[in-house]
C-alpha atoms as a PDB file:
ATOM      1  CA  MET A   1       0.000   0.000   0.000  1.00  0.00           C
ATOM      2  CA  LYS A   2       1.097   3.573  -0.727  1.00  0.00           C
ATOM      3  CA  VAL A   3      -0.384   6.652   0.954  1.00  0.00           C
ATOM      4  CA  LEU A   4      -0.046  10.380   0.269  1.00  0.00           C
ATOM      5  CA  ILE A   5       0.337  12.310   3.529  1.00  0.00           C
ATOM      6  CA  ALA A   6      -0.465  16.006   3.122  1.00  0.00           C
ATOM      7  CA  GLY A   7       1.262  17.879   5.929  1.00  0.00           C
ATOM      8  CA  GLY A   8       3.549  14.888   6.318  1.00  0.00           C
ATOM      9  CA  ALA A   9       6.517  16.973   7.486  1.00  0.00           C
ATOM     10  CA  GLY A  10       4.688  18.269  10.555  1.00  0.00           C
ATOM     11  CA  TYR A  11       4.456  16.836  14.065  1.00  0.00           C
ATOM     12  CA  ILE A  12       1.548  14.466  13.585  1.00  0.00           C
ATOM     13  CA  GLY A  13       1.942  13.909   9.847  1.00  0.00           C
ATOM     14  CA  SER A  14       5.583  12.863  10.145  1.00  0.00           C
ATOM     15  CA  THR A  15       4.724  10.504  13.005  1.00  0.00           C
ATOM     16  CA  ILE A  16       2.008   8.951  10.857  1.00  0.00           C
ATOM     17  CA  ALA A  17       4.560   8.555   8.070  1.00  0.00           C
ATOM     18  CA  SER A  18       6.910   6.704  10.441  1.00  0.00           C
ATOM     19  CA  ALA A  19       4.118   4.447  11.665  1.00  0.00           C
ATOM     20  CA  CYS A  20       3.143   3.690   8.069  1.00  0.00           C
ATOM     21  CA  SER A  21       6.729   2.837   7.151  1.00  0.00           C
ATOM     22  CA  ASP A  22       7.037   0.555  10.174  1.00  0.00           C
ATOM     23  CA  ALA A  23       3.826  -1.207   9.071  1.00  0.00           C
ATOM     24  CA  GLY A  24       5.020  -1.728   5.505  1.00  0.00           C
ATOM     25  CA  ILE A  25       2.979   1.141   4.029  1.00  0.00           C
ATOM     26  CA  THR A  26       4.931   3.492   1.756  1.00  0.00           C
ATOM     27  CA  PRO A  27       4.387   7.183   2.624  1.00  0.00           C
ATOM     28  CA  VAL A  28       4.576   9.922  -0.002  1.00  0.00           C
ATOM     29  CA  VAL A  29       4.914  13.281   1.734  1.00  0.00           C
ATOM     30  CA  LEU A  30       3.453  16.598   0.557  1.00  0.00           C
ATOM     31  CA  ASP A  31       4.253  19.677   2.645  1.00  0.00           C
ATOM     32  CA  ASN A  32       4.913  23.355   1.950  1.00  0.00           C
ATOM     33  CA  LEU A  33       7.326  23.522   4.934  1.00  0.00           C
ATOM     34  CA  ALA A  34       5.632  26.568   6.430  1.00  0.00           C
ATOM     35  CA  THR A  35       5.969  24.813   9.787  1.00  0.00           C
ATOM     36  CA  GLY A  36       6.831  21.310   8.639  1.00  0.00           C
ATOM     37  CA  ARG A  37      10.462  20.245   8.717  1.00  0.00           C
ATOM     38  CA  ARG A  38      12.472  18.975   5.777  1.00  0.00           C
ATOM     39  CA  GLU A  39      14.449  16.835   8.223  1.00  0.00           C
ATOM     40  CA  PHE A  40      11.266  14.827   8.896  1.00  0.00           C
ATOM     41  CA  THR A  41      11.084  13.801   5.230  1.00  0.00           C
ATOM     42  CA  ARG A  42      14.520  12.190   4.985  1.00  0.00           C
ATOM     43  CA  GLY A  43      14.428   8.823   3.281  1.00  0.00           C
ATOM     44  CA  ARG A  44      10.880   9.388   2.020  1.00  0.00           C
ATOM     45  CA  ALA A  45       9.396  10.451  -1.292  1.00  0.00           C
ATOM     46  CA  PHE A  46       8.852  14.162  -0.690  1.00  0.00           C
ATOM     47  CA  HIS A  47       7.133  16.873  -2.711  1.00  0.00           C
ATOM     48  CA  GLU A  48       7.472  20.432  -1.449  1.00  0.00           C
ATOM     49  CA  GLY A  49       4.380  22.492  -2.180  1.00  0.00           C
ATOM     50  CA  ASP A  50       0.810  23.380  -1.335  1.00  0.00           C
ATOM     51  CA  ILE A  51      -2.309  21.245  -1.252  1.00  0.00           C
ATOM     52  CA  ALA A  52      -4.063  23.853  -3.416  1.00  0.00           C
ATOM     53  CA  ASP A  53      -1.461  23.517  -6.190  1.00  0.00           C
ATOM     54  CA  GLY A  54      -3.348  21.516  -8.816  1.00  0.00           C
ATOM     55  CA  PRO A  55      -0.456  20.906 -11.233  1.00  0.00           C
ATOM     56  CA  LEU A  56       1.672  19.661  -8.324  1.00  0.00           C
ATOM     57  CA  ILE A  57      -1.036  17.238  -7.168  1.00  0.00           C
ATOM     58  CA  ASP A  58      -1.428  16.007 -10.751  1.00  0.00           C
ATOM     59  CA  ARG A  59       2.329  15.430 -10.970  1.00  0.00           C
ATOM     60  CA  ILE A  60       2.383  13.506  -7.675  1.00  0.00           C
ATOM     61  CA  PHE A  61      -0.324  11.132  -8.876  1.00  0.00           C
ATOM     62  CA  ALA A  62       1.396  10.781 -12.251  1.00  0.00           C
ATOM     63  CA  GLU A  63       4.638   9.805 -10.508  1.00  0.00           C
ATOM     64  CA  HIS A  64       2.827   7.610  -7.956  1.00  0.00           C
ATOM     65  CA  PRO A  65      -0.206   6.095  -9.736  1.00  0.00           C
ATOM     66  CA  ASP A  66      -0.361   3.396  -7.064  1.00  0.00           C
ATOM     67  CA  ILE A  67      -1.367   5.797  -4.254  1.00  0.00           C
ATOM     68  CA  ASP A  68      -4.221   4.028  -2.463  1.00  0.00           C
ATOM     69  CA  ALA A  69      -5.345   6.736  -0.042  1.00  0.00           C
ATOM     70  CA  VAL A  70      -4.644  10.242   1.236  1.00  0.00           C
ATOM     71  CA  VAL A  71      -4.137  11.361   4.832  1.00  0.00           C
ATOM     72  CA  HIS A  72      -4.923  15.085   5.020  1.00  0.00           C
ATOM     73  CA  CYS A  73      -3.023  16.634   7.959  1.00  0.00           C
ATOM     74  CA  ALA A  74      -2.166  20.005   6.416  1.00  0.00           C
ATOM     75  CA  ALA A  75      -3.610  22.818   8.549  1.00  0.00           C
ATOM     76  CA  LEU A  76      -2.970  25.776  10.789  1.00  0.00           C
ATOM     77  CA  ILE A  77      -3.590  24.653  14.360  1.00  0.00           C
ATOM     78  CA  VAL A  78      -2.876  27.335  17.010  1.00  0.00           C
ATOM     79  CA  VAL A  79      -6.124  28.495  18.647  1.00  0.00           C
ATOM     80  CA  PRO A  80      -5.069  32.027  19.748  1.00  0.00           C
ATOM     81  CA  ASP A  81      -3.528  32.627  16.313  1.00  0.00           C
ATOM     82  CA  SER A  82      -6.835  31.680  14.704  1.00  0.00           C
ATOM     83  CA  VAL A  83      -8.588  34.325  16.800  1.00  0.00           C
ATOM     84  CA  ALA A  84      -6.059  36.925  15.669  1.00  0.00           C
ATOM     85  CA  ASP A  85      -6.018  35.829  12.016  1.00  0.00           C
ATOM     86  CA  PRO A  86      -9.338  34.197  11.054  1.00  0.00           C
ATOM     87  CA  VAL A  87      -8.904  35.095   7.380  1.00  0.00           C
ATOM     88  CA  GLY A  88      -5.595  33.266   7.227  1.00  0.00           C
ATOM     89  CA  TYR A  89      -7.041  30.251   9.011  1.00  0.00           C
ATOM     90  CA  TYR A  90     -10.117  29.952   6.811  1.00  0.00           C
ATOM     91  CA  ARG A  91      -7.984  30.356   3.703  1.00  0.00           C
ATOM     92  CA  ALA A  92      -5.417  27.742   4.727  1.00  0.00           C
ATOM     93  CA  ASN A  93      -7.732  25.222   6.359  1.00  0.00           C
ATOM     94  CA  VAL A  94     -10.972  25.516   4.389  1.00  0.00           C
ATOM     95  CA  ALA A  95     -10.386  27.131   1.003  1.00  0.00           C
ATOM     96  CA  LYS A  96      -7.247  25.125   0.283  1.00  0.00           C
ATOM     97  CA  SER A  97      -8.887  21.908   1.497  1.00  0.00           C
ATOM     98  CA  LEU A  98     -11.715  22.459  -0.984  1.00  0.00           C
ATOM     99  CA  GLU A  99      -9.180  22.879  -3.789  1.00  0.00           C
ATOM    100  CA  PHE A 100      -7.360  19.771  -2.575  1.00  0.00           C
ATOM    101  CA  ALA A 101     -10.546  17.710  -2.689  1.00  0.00           C
ATOM    102  CA  GLY A 102     -11.129  18.777  -6.277  1.00  0.00           C
ATOM    103  CA  HIS A 103      -7.588  17.772  -7.233  1.00  0.00           C
ATOM    104  CA  LEU A 104      -8.042  14.363  -5.583  1.00  0.00           C
ATOM    105  CA  LEU A 105     -11.291  13.730  -7.435  1.00  0.00           C
ATOM    106  CA  ARG A 106      -9.682  14.673 -10.744  1.00  0.00           C
ATOM    107  CA  ASN A 107      -6.928  12.139 -10.097  1.00  0.00           C
ATOM    108  CA  GLY A 108      -9.277   9.319  -9.169  1.00  0.00           C
ATOM    109  CA  CYS A 109      -8.497   9.210  -5.447  1.00  0.00           C
ATOM    110  CA  THR A 110     -11.385   7.577  -3.583  1.00  0.00           C
ATOM    111  CA  ARG A 111     -10.103   7.396   0.019  1.00  0.00           C
ATOM    112  CA  MET A 112      -9.295  10.286   2.354  1.00  0.00           C
ATOM    113  CA  ILE A 113      -8.507  10.235   6.057  1.00  0.00           C
ATOM    114  CA  PHE A 114      -9.029  13.759   7.395  1.00  0.00           C
ATOM    115  CA  SER A 115      -7.265  15.044  10.502  1.00  0.00           C
ATOM    116  CA  SER A 116     -10.123  16.645  12.406  1.00  0.00           C
ATOM    117  CA  SER A 117     -10.399  17.812  15.996  1.00  0.00           C
ATOM    118  CA  ALA A 118     -12.457  17.129  19.088  1.00  0.00           C
ATOM    119  CA  SER A 119     -12.494  20.895  19.638  1.00  0.00           C
ATOM    120  CA  ILE A 120     -15.557  21.031  17.382  1.00  0.00           C
ATOM    121  CA  TYR A 121     -17.759  19.530  20.115  1.00  0.00           C
ATOM    122  CA  SER A 122     -20.101  21.120  22.604  1.00  0.00           C
ATOM    123  CA  ALA A 123     -19.477  19.026  25.697  1.00  0.00           C
ATOM    124  CA  GLY A 124     -22.246  17.998  28.067  1.00  0.00           C
ATOM    125  CA  ALA A 125     -22.373  18.752  31.764  1.00  0.00           C
ATOM    126  CA  ASP A 126     -19.969  15.873  32.475  1.00  0.00           C
ATOM    127  CA  LEU A 127     -17.545  17.192  29.800  1.00  0.00           C
ATOM    128  CA  THR A 128     -17.647  13.926  27.860  1.00  0.00           C
ATOM    129  CA  VAL A 129     -18.508  13.597  24.179  1.00  0.00           C
ATOM    130  CA  ASP A 130     -19.106  10.979  21.524  1.00  0.00           C
ATOM    131  CA  GLU A 131     -19.393  11.248  17.765  1.00  0.00           C
ATOM    132  CA  ASP A 132     -23.063  12.235  18.015  1.00  0.00           C
ATOM    133  CA  SER A 133     -22.515  15.081  20.490  1.00  0.00           C
ATOM    134  CA  PRO A 134     -23.559  18.574  19.370  1.00  0.00           C
ATOM    135  CA  VAL A 135     -21.047  20.474  17.283  1.00  0.00           C
ATOM    136  CA  ASP A 136     -20.402  23.985  18.604  1.00  0.00           C
ATOM    137  CA  PRO A 137     -16.779  25.046  17.996  1.00  0.00           C
ATOM    138  CA  GLN A 138     -15.488  27.861  20.191  1.00  0.00           C
ATOM    139  CA  SER A 139     -12.630  29.218  18.077  1.00  0.00           C
ATOM    140  CA  PRO A 140     -11.989  30.006  14.415  1.00  0.00           C
ATOM    141  CA  TYR A 141      -9.549  27.072  14.310  1.00  0.00           C
ATOM    142  CA  ALA A 142     -12.187  24.656  15.565  1.00  0.00           C
ATOM    143  CA  ARG A 143     -14.773  26.099  13.186  1.00  0.00           C
ATOM    144  CA  THR A 144     -12.473  25.498  10.229  1.00  0.00           C
ATOM    145  CA  LYS A 145     -12.378  21.816  11.174  1.00  0.00           C
ATOM    146  CA  ALA A 146     -16.168  21.644  11.518  1.00  0.00           C
ATOM    147  CA  VAL A 147     -16.640  23.430   8.189  1.00  0.00           C
ATOM    148  CA  CYS A 148     -14.211  21.053   6.477  1.00  0.00           C
ATOM    149  CA  GLU A 149     -16.014  18.011   7.872  1.00  0.00           C
ATOM    150  CA  ALA A 150     -19.358  19.322   6.594  1.00  0.00           C
ATOM    151  CA  MET A 151     -17.832  20.235   3.239  1.00  0.00           C
ATOM    152  CA  PHE A 152     -16.257  16.806   2.816  1.00  0.00           C
ATOM    153  CA  ALA A 153     -19.527  15.117   3.831  1.00  0.00           C
ATOM    154  CA  ASP A 154     -21.358  17.023   1.099  1.00  0.00           C
ATOM    155  CA  ILE A 155     -18.735  16.027  -1.446  1.00  0.00           C
ATOM    156  CA  ALA A 156     -18.699  12.388  -0.340  1.00  0.00           C
ATOM    157  CA  ALA A 157     -22.488  12.180  -0.589  1.00  0.00           C
ATOM    158  CA  THR A 158     -22.427  12.465  -4.384  1.00  0.00           C
ATOM    159  CA  GLN A 159     -18.787  12.116  -5.490  1.00  0.00           C
ATOM    160  CA  PRO A 160     -16.486   9.060  -5.456  1.00  0.00           C
ATOM    161  CA  LEU A 161     -14.382  10.392  -2.566  1.00  0.00           C
ATOM    162  CA  ARG A 162     -15.030   8.619   0.729  1.00  0.00           C
ATOM    163  CA  VAL A 163     -13.907  10.526   3.826  1.00  0.00           C
ATOM    164  CA  LEU A 164     -13.050   9.184   7.268  1.00  0.00           C
ATOM    165  CA  SER A 165     -12.641  12.067   9.727  1.00  0.00           C
ATOM    166  CA  LEU A 166     -10.523  11.210  12.741  1.00  0.00           C
ATOM    167  CA  ARG A 167     -11.293  13.648  15.532  1.00  0.00           C
ATOM    168  CA  TYR A 168      -8.109  14.013  17.572  1.00  0.00           C
ATOM    169  CA  PHE A 169      -8.195  14.907  21.204  1.00  0.00           C
ATOM    170  CA  ASN A 170      -4.921  16.315  22.625  1.00  0.00           C
ATOM    171  CA  PRO A 171      -1.718  14.747  21.297  1.00  0.00           C
ATOM    172  CA  VAL A 172       1.333  14.525  23.531  1.00  0.00           C
ATOM    173  CA  GLY A 173       4.657  12.733  23.305  1.00  0.00           C
ATOM    174  CA  ALA A 174       6.897  11.959  20.358  1.00  0.00           C
ATOM    175  CA  ASP A 175       7.860   9.024  18.191  1.00  0.00           C
ATOM    176  CA  PRO A 176       9.260   6.601  20.809  1.00  0.00           C
ATOM    177  CA  LYS A 177      12.262   6.082  18.500  1.00  0.00           C
ATOM    178  CA  LEU A 178      12.750   9.892  18.546  1.00  0.00           C
ATOM    179  CA  ARG A 179      12.715  10.189  14.759  1.00  0.00           C
ATOM    180  CA  THR A 180      10.220  13.053  15.015  1.00  0.00           C
ATOM    181  CA  GLY A 181       8.451  15.210  17.577  1.00  0.00           C
ATOM    182  CA  LEU A 182       7.159  18.721  18.057  1.00  0.00           C
ATOM    183  CA  GLN A 183       9.147  20.876  15.670  1.00  0.00           C
ATOM    184  CA  LEU A 184       8.614  24.133  17.574  1.00  0.00           C
ATOM    185  CA  ARG A 185      11.058  24.774  20.398  1.00  0.00           C
ATOM    186  CA  ARG A 186       8.393  26.706  22.276  1.00  0.00           C
ATOM    187  CA  PRO A 187       5.024  25.006  21.567  1.00  0.00           C
ATOM    188  CA  SER A 188       1.900  26.755  22.816  1.00  0.00           C
ATOM    189  CA  HIS A 189       0.060  23.831  24.400  1.00  0.00           C
ATOM    190  CA  ALA A 190       0.083  23.019  28.117  1.00  0.00           C
ATOM    191  CA  LEU A 191       2.736  20.298  28.124  1.00  0.00           C
ATOM    192  CA  GLY A 192       5.048  22.383  25.948  1.00  0.00           C
ATOM    193  CA  LYS A 193       4.669  25.293  28.348  1.00  0.00           C
ATOM    194  CA  MET A 194       5.396  22.981  31.288  1.00  0.00           C
ATOM    195  CA  ILE A 195       8.607  21.780  29.675  1.00  0.00           C
ATOM    196  CA  GLN A 196       9.595  25.388  29.025  1.00  0.00           C
ATOM    197  CA  ALA A 197       8.893  26.352  32.646  1.00  0.00           C
ATOM    198  CA  TRP A 198      10.873  23.333  33.859  1.00  0.00           C
ATOM    199  CA  GLU A 199      13.841  24.196  31.624  1.00  0.00           C
ATOM    200  CA  GLU A 200      13.830  27.845  32.701  1.00  0.00           C
ATOM    201  CA  GLY A 201      13.120  27.203  36.384  1.00  0.00           C
ATOM    202  CA  VAL A 202      10.020  29.416  36.440  1.00  0.00           C
ATOM    203  CA  PRO A 203       6.416  28.712  37.483  1.00  0.00           C
ATOM    204  CA  PHE A 204       4.003  27.235  34.961  1.00  0.00           C
ATOM    205  CA  GLN A 205       0.970  29.402  34.179  1.00  0.00           C
ATOM    206  CA  VAL A 206      -2.391  27.668  34.522  1.00  0.00           C
ATOM    207  CA  THR A 207      -4.336  29.686  31.946  1.00  0.00           C
ATOM    208  CA  GLY A 208      -7.997  29.670  32.921  1.00  0.00           C
ATOM    209  CA  THR A 209      -9.066  28.595  36.400  1.00  0.00           C
ATOM    210  CA  GLY A 210     -12.827  29.210  36.392  1.00  0.00           C
ATOM    211  CA  TYR A 211     -13.952  26.293  34.244  1.00  0.00           C
ATOM    212  CA  PRO A 212     -16.675  23.871  35.485  1.00  0.00           C
ATOM    213  CA  THR A 213     -14.153  21.100  36.200  1.00  0.00           C
ATOM    214  CA  ARG A 214     -13.149  19.408  39.438  1.00  0.00           C
ATOM    215  CA  ASP A 215     -10.318  21.894  40.063  1.00  0.00           C
ATOM    216  CA  GLY A 216     -11.291  24.842  37.849  1.00  0.00           C
ATOM    217  CA  SER A 217      -8.599  24.285  35.215  1.00  0.00           C
ATOM    218  CA  GLY A 218      -9.322  23.107  31.701  1.00  0.00           C
ATOM    219  CA  ILE A 219      -9.773  19.402  31.055  1.00  0.00           C
ATOM    220  CA  ARG A 220      -8.284  17.488  28.130  1.00  0.00           C
ATOM    221  CA  ASP A 221      -8.024  13.947  26.805  1.00  0.00           C
ATOM    222  CA  TYR A 222      -4.269  13.528  26.319  1.00  0.00           C
ATOM    223  CA  VAL A 223      -3.483  10.829  23.759  1.00  0.00           C
ATOM    224  CA  HIS A 224       0.030   9.790  22.787  1.00  0.00           C
ATOM    225  CA  VAL A 225       0.966  10.878  19.263  1.00  0.00           C
ATOM    226  CA  TRP A 226       2.275   7.393  18.476  1.00  0.00           C
ATOM    227  CA  ASP A 227      -1.140   5.983  19.366  1.00  0.00           C
ATOM    228  CA  LEU A 228      -2.707   8.559  17.031  1.00  0.00           C
ATOM    229  CA  ALA A 229      -0.337   7.439  14.284  1.00  0.00           C
ATOM    230  CA  ALA A 230      -1.206   3.800  14.932  1.00  0.00           C
ATOM    231  CA  ALA A 231      -4.884   4.703  14.570  1.00  0.00           C
ATOM    232  CA  HIS A 232      -4.201   5.965  11.038  1.00  0.00           C
ATOM    233  CA  VAL A 233      -2.488   2.710  10.136  1.00  0.00           C
ATOM    234  CA  ALA A 234      -5.517   0.845  11.490  1.00  0.00           C
ATOM    235  CA  ALA A 235      -7.872   3.157   9.574  1.00  0.00           C
ATOM    236  CA  LEU A 236      -6.000   2.568   6.314  1.00  0.00           C
ATOM    237  CA  GLY A 237      -6.344  -1.175   6.796  1.00  0.00           C
ATOM    238  CA  ALA A 238     -10.029  -1.023   7.723  1.00  0.00           C
ATOM    239  CA  PHE A 239     -11.061   1.770   5.337  1.00  0.00           C
ATOM    240  CA  ASP A 240     -13.044  -0.296   2.821  1.00  0.00           C
ATOM    241  CA  THR A 241     -14.778  -2.215   5.594  1.00  0.00           C
ATOM    242  CA  VAL A 242     -15.726   0.924   7.503  1.00  0.00           C
ATOM    243  CA  LEU A 243     -16.718   2.888   4.377  1.00  0.00           C
ATOM    244  CA  PRO A 244     -17.541   0.334   1.679  1.00  0.00           C
ATOM    245  CA  ALA A 245     -19.634   2.804  -0.322  1.00  0.00           C
ATOM    246  CA  ALA A 246     -19.961   6.557  -0.855  1.00  0.00           C
ATOM    247  CA  GLY A 247     -20.134   8.656   2.271  1.00  0.00           C
ATOM    248  CA  SER A 248     -18.257   9.934   5.285  1.00  0.00           C
ATOM    249  CA  LEU A 249     -17.819   8.940   8.909  1.00  0.00           C
ATOM    250  CA  ALA A 250     -16.283  10.501  12.019  1.00  0.00           C
ATOM    251  CA  VAL A 251     -14.333   8.607  14.682  1.00  0.00           C
ATOM    252  CA  ASN A 252     -12.986   9.981  17.971  1.00  0.00           C
ATOM    253  CA  LEU A 253      -9.365   9.294  18.876  1.00  0.00           C
ATOM    254  CA  GLY A 254      -8.901   9.703  22.608  1.00  0.00           C
ATOM    255  CA  THR A 255      -8.157   7.724  25.747  1.00  0.00           C
ATOM    256  CA  GLY A 256     -11.519   8.134  27.453  1.00  0.00           C
ATOM    257  CA  THR A 257      -9.823   9.733  30.449  1.00  0.00           C
ATOM    258  CA  GLY A 258     -10.147  13.422  31.289  1.00  0.00           C
ATOM    259  CA  THR A 259      -7.087  15.079  32.802  1.00  0.00           C
ATOM    260  CA  THR A 260      -7.204  18.652  34.077  1.00  0.00           C
ATOM    261  CA  VAL A 261      -4.281  21.004  33.572  1.00  0.00           C
ATOM    262  CA  ARG A 262      -3.490  20.854  37.273  1.00  0.00           C
ATOM    263  CA  GLU A 263      -3.528  17.044  37.121  1.00  0.00           C
ATOM    264  CA  LEU A 264      -1.259  17.167  34.089  1.00  0.00           C
ATOM    265  CA  LEU A 265       1.187  19.248  36.115  1.00  0.00           C
ATOM    266  CA  ASP A 266       1.030  16.696  38.944  1.00  0.00           C
ATOM    267  CA  ALA A 267       1.767  13.909  36.436  1.00  0.00           C
ATOM    268  CA  PHE A 268       4.619  15.970  34.976  1.00  0.00           C
ATOM    269  CA  ASN A 269       6.147  16.493  38.409  1.00  0.00           C
ATOM    270  CA  GLN A 270       6.097  12.740  39.014  1.00  0.00           C
ATOM    271  CA  VAL A 271       8.300  12.249  35.935  1.00  0.00           C
ATOM    272  CA  VAL A 272      10.860  15.047  36.391  1.00  0.00           C
ATOM    273  CA  ASP A 273      13.463  15.344  39.148  1.00  0.00           C
ATOM    274  CA  THR A 274      12.800  19.015  39.873  1.00  0.00           C
ATOM    275  CA  PRO A 275       9.089  19.820  40.353  1.00  0.00           C
ATOM    276  CA  VAL A 276       7.522  22.805  38.626  1.00  0.00           C
ATOM    277  CA  SER A 277       5.354  25.189  40.625  1.00  0.00           C
ATOM    278  CA  SER A 278       2.347  26.980  39.137  1.00  0.00           C
ATOM    279  CA  VAL A 279       0.590  30.328  39.102  1.00  0.00           C
ATOM    280  CA  ASP A 280      -2.931  31.074  37.937  1.00  0.00           C
ATOM    281  CA  ALA A 281      -3.480  33.232  34.850  1.00  0.00           C
ATOM    282  CA  GLU A 282      -6.278  34.407  32.571  1.00  0.00           C
ATOM    283  CA  ALA A 283      -7.606  32.083  29.890  1.00  0.00           C
ATOM    284  CA  ARG A 284      -6.141  32.499  26.412  1.00  0.00           C
ATOM    285  CA  PRO A 285      -8.318  33.796  23.554  1.00  0.00           C
ATOM    286  CA  GLY A 286     -10.388  30.959  22.092  1.00  0.00           C
ATOM    287  CA  ASP A 287      -9.745  28.491  24.906  1.00  0.00           C
ATOM    288  CA  ALA A 288     -12.610  26.362  26.239  1.00  0.00           C
ATOM    289  CA  ALA A 289     -13.186  24.096  29.233  1.00  0.00           C
ATOM    290  CA  GLY A 290     -12.387  21.058  27.089  1.00  0.00           C
ATOM    291  CA  ALA A 291     -13.778  17.553  26.884  1.00  0.00           C
ATOM    292  CA  TYR A 292     -12.847  13.893  26.708  1.00  0.00           C
ATOM    293  CA  THR A 293     -14.311  11.018  24.750  1.00  0.00           C
ATOM    294  CA  ARG A 294     -16.714   8.399  26.031  1.00  0.00           C
ATOM    295  CA  SER A 295     -16.861   6.632  22.684  1.00  0.00           C
ATOM    296  CA  ASP A 296     -15.585   3.164  21.788  1.00  0.00           C
ATOM    297  CA  ARG A 297     -16.212   3.581  18.043  1.00  0.00           C
ATOM    298  CA  ALA A 298     -12.497   3.524  17.231  1.00  0.00           C
ATOM    299  CA  GLU A 299     -12.072   0.167  18.935  1.00  0.00           C
ATOM    300  CA  ARG A 300     -15.235  -1.317  17.400  1.00  0.00           C
ATOM    301  CA  LEU A 301     -14.602  -0.159  13.837  1.00  0.00           C
ATOM    302  CA  LEU A 302     -10.826   0.164  13.595  1.00  0.00           C
ATOM    303  CA  GLY A 303      -9.681  -2.328  16.209  1.00  0.00           C
ATOM    304  CA  TRP A 304      -7.714   0.509  17.819  1.00  0.00           C
ATOM    305  CA  ARG A 305      -7.221   1.599  21.372  1.00  0.00           C
ATOM    306  CA  PRO A 306      -4.450   3.692  22.940  1.00  0.00           C
ATOM    307  CA  LEU A 307      -1.581   1.758  24.475  1.00  0.00           C
ATOM    308  CA  HIS A 308       0.667   4.479  25.898  1.00  0.00           C
ATOM    309  CA  SER A 309       0.125   6.129  29.283  1.00  0.00           C
ATOM    310  CA  LEU A 310       0.158   9.840  30.031  1.00  0.00           C
ATOM    311  CA  ALA A 311       3.440   9.356  31.895  1.00  0.00           C
ATOM    312  CA  GLU A 312       4.964   7.822  28.753  1.00  0.00           C
ATOM    313  CA  GLY A 313       3.723  10.779  26.729  1.00  0.00           C
ATOM    314  CA  ILE A 314       5.375  13.198  29.154  1.00  0.00           C
ATOM    315  CA  ARG A 315       8.590  11.172  29.236  1.00  0.00           C
ATOM    316  CA  HIS A 316       8.799  10.935  25.437  1.00  0.00           C
ATOM    317  CA  SER A 317       8.131  14.681  25.157  1.00  0.00           C
ATOM    318  CA  LEU A 318      11.025  15.373  27.514  1.00  0.00           C
ATOM    319  CA  GLU A 319      13.297  12.957  25.652  1.00  0.00           C
ATOM    320  CA  TRP A 320      12.435  14.651  22.363  1.00  0.00           C
ATOM    321  CA  ALA A 321      13.056  18.112  23.834  1.00  0.00           C
ATOM    322  CA  ALA A 322      16.536  16.950  24.802  1.00  0.00           C
ATOM    323  CA  VAL A 323      17.449  15.782  21.274  1.00  0.00           C
ATOM    324  CA  ARG A 324      15.390  18.184  19.176  1.00  0.00           C
ATOM    325  CA  LYS A 325      18.285  20.534  18.410  1.00  0.00           C
ATOM    326  CA  ASP A 326      20.390  17.574  17.235  1.00  0.00           C
ATOM    327  CA  VAL A 327      17.654  16.287  14.885  1.00  0.00           C
ATOM    328  CA  LEU A 328      16.626  19.631  13.420  1.00  0.00           C
ATOM    329  CA  ASP A 329      19.037  21.843  11.526  1.00  0.00           C
ATOM    330  CA  GLY A 330      17.516  25.244  12.291  1.00  0.00           C
ATOM    331  CA  PRO A 331      14.605  27.099  13.881  1.00  0.00           C
ATOM    332  CA  ALA A 332      11.045  26.230  12.914  1.00  0.00           C
ATOM    333  CA  GLN A 333       8.715  28.995  11.893  1.00  0.00           C
ATOM    334  CA  ALA A 334       5.821  29.860  14.161  1.00  0.00           C
ATOM    335  CA  ARG A 335       2.916  29.632  11.735  1.00  0.00           C
ATOM    336  CA  GLY A 336       1.692  27.842   8.648  1.00  0.00           C
ATOM    337  CA  PRO A 337       0.307  24.498   7.527  1.00  0.00           C
ATOM    338  CA  ALA A 338       1.921  21.649   9.428  1.00  0.00           C
END
C-alpha cells in the first residue's frame, strides 16, 4: 500500500509517516514547509508544495499512480492565532482543502482520512462527548475543522471520494524512537509550556481557572501521538470495511480519560526530578473548558485503542526536547500548515 500524507513533514503527519513505514505502508509526503520540517522527510518520497497547487497534485499522482489513499493533515492549528487571524485560518484550512478535494477527485483518489479535531464539540455537563454530540466550535480554528467536515460530507455524498474524519483529542509525546516530535522549540500547548517552565526554572501558568471542572482548570483527553499514528495505520487497513460505499464517517481518537491542567502538572512532576510550581493566569483567547471522549467507536470499527500512558507521553516529550536541536538543523517557523 502507498499513501499520500499532506502535511507529512509536521508533528503528527511525520509521526504517521513513520508508523506507516514501520507497518510496511509506503508514505509519499506533501508539505509546503511553512511549519513542517524537511528533516522529517529524509528517506521518504517528498514533494514540497501546497495542497491547493493543482499541477503539483497532478504530478504527484502521475509519478505515484499506485497511491491508495490520502491522509490530510495540512492545517494551521494554534487556537489564539486563529482568533487573531481568522482570514488566514479559513484560507489555509478551508479554502485550500476544498481545492485539494477537487484535485483528488480529478486524479481518481477515492479514500481520504481527514485530521479533524475534538475541539468542534459542545461538551455535556460531564464534559464527555461521543461522535453524536452537538457540534459547537469555540474558536476560528475549531470552526475550520467543523466546516471542512461538513464540506467533505457534502462532497462524499455524491462524489467518489469517501472521507473518514478522525477527531483528535490532545496529542502529547513523540515518536518513541525519537525520529520526530514537536518541531517548535516553544510550543503553545500546556505540556510544551510545562517543559519550558521546567527548563527555565520558572512557574508554569495555569491559563484559565474558572472552568466547570473538578479543580477549575481546563480538562483534556491527552493521547500519545504514536497511538494517534497507529490509529491511522488501522484506519487505512479497515477503510473499505468501515466505508464500503460513498459517504463519510467521524471517529474519535482519545483515551476516554479526562485530565485537568493541574492534574497534568502533577503527572509531569512525578516524571521530572525538579518539580515545577504553578501560578494562575487568565484564559487564552479561544480556549474552552475542554472535553474527553466516552466513545468506543475507534475500537469497534478500527480495532484501535491507545496503548501508551500519560506518563509515557510526558517522558517521550522530555526525551524529544533533549534531542530536538540535534535532529533539526535550524529554527522552525511559528505559523503555517503543518
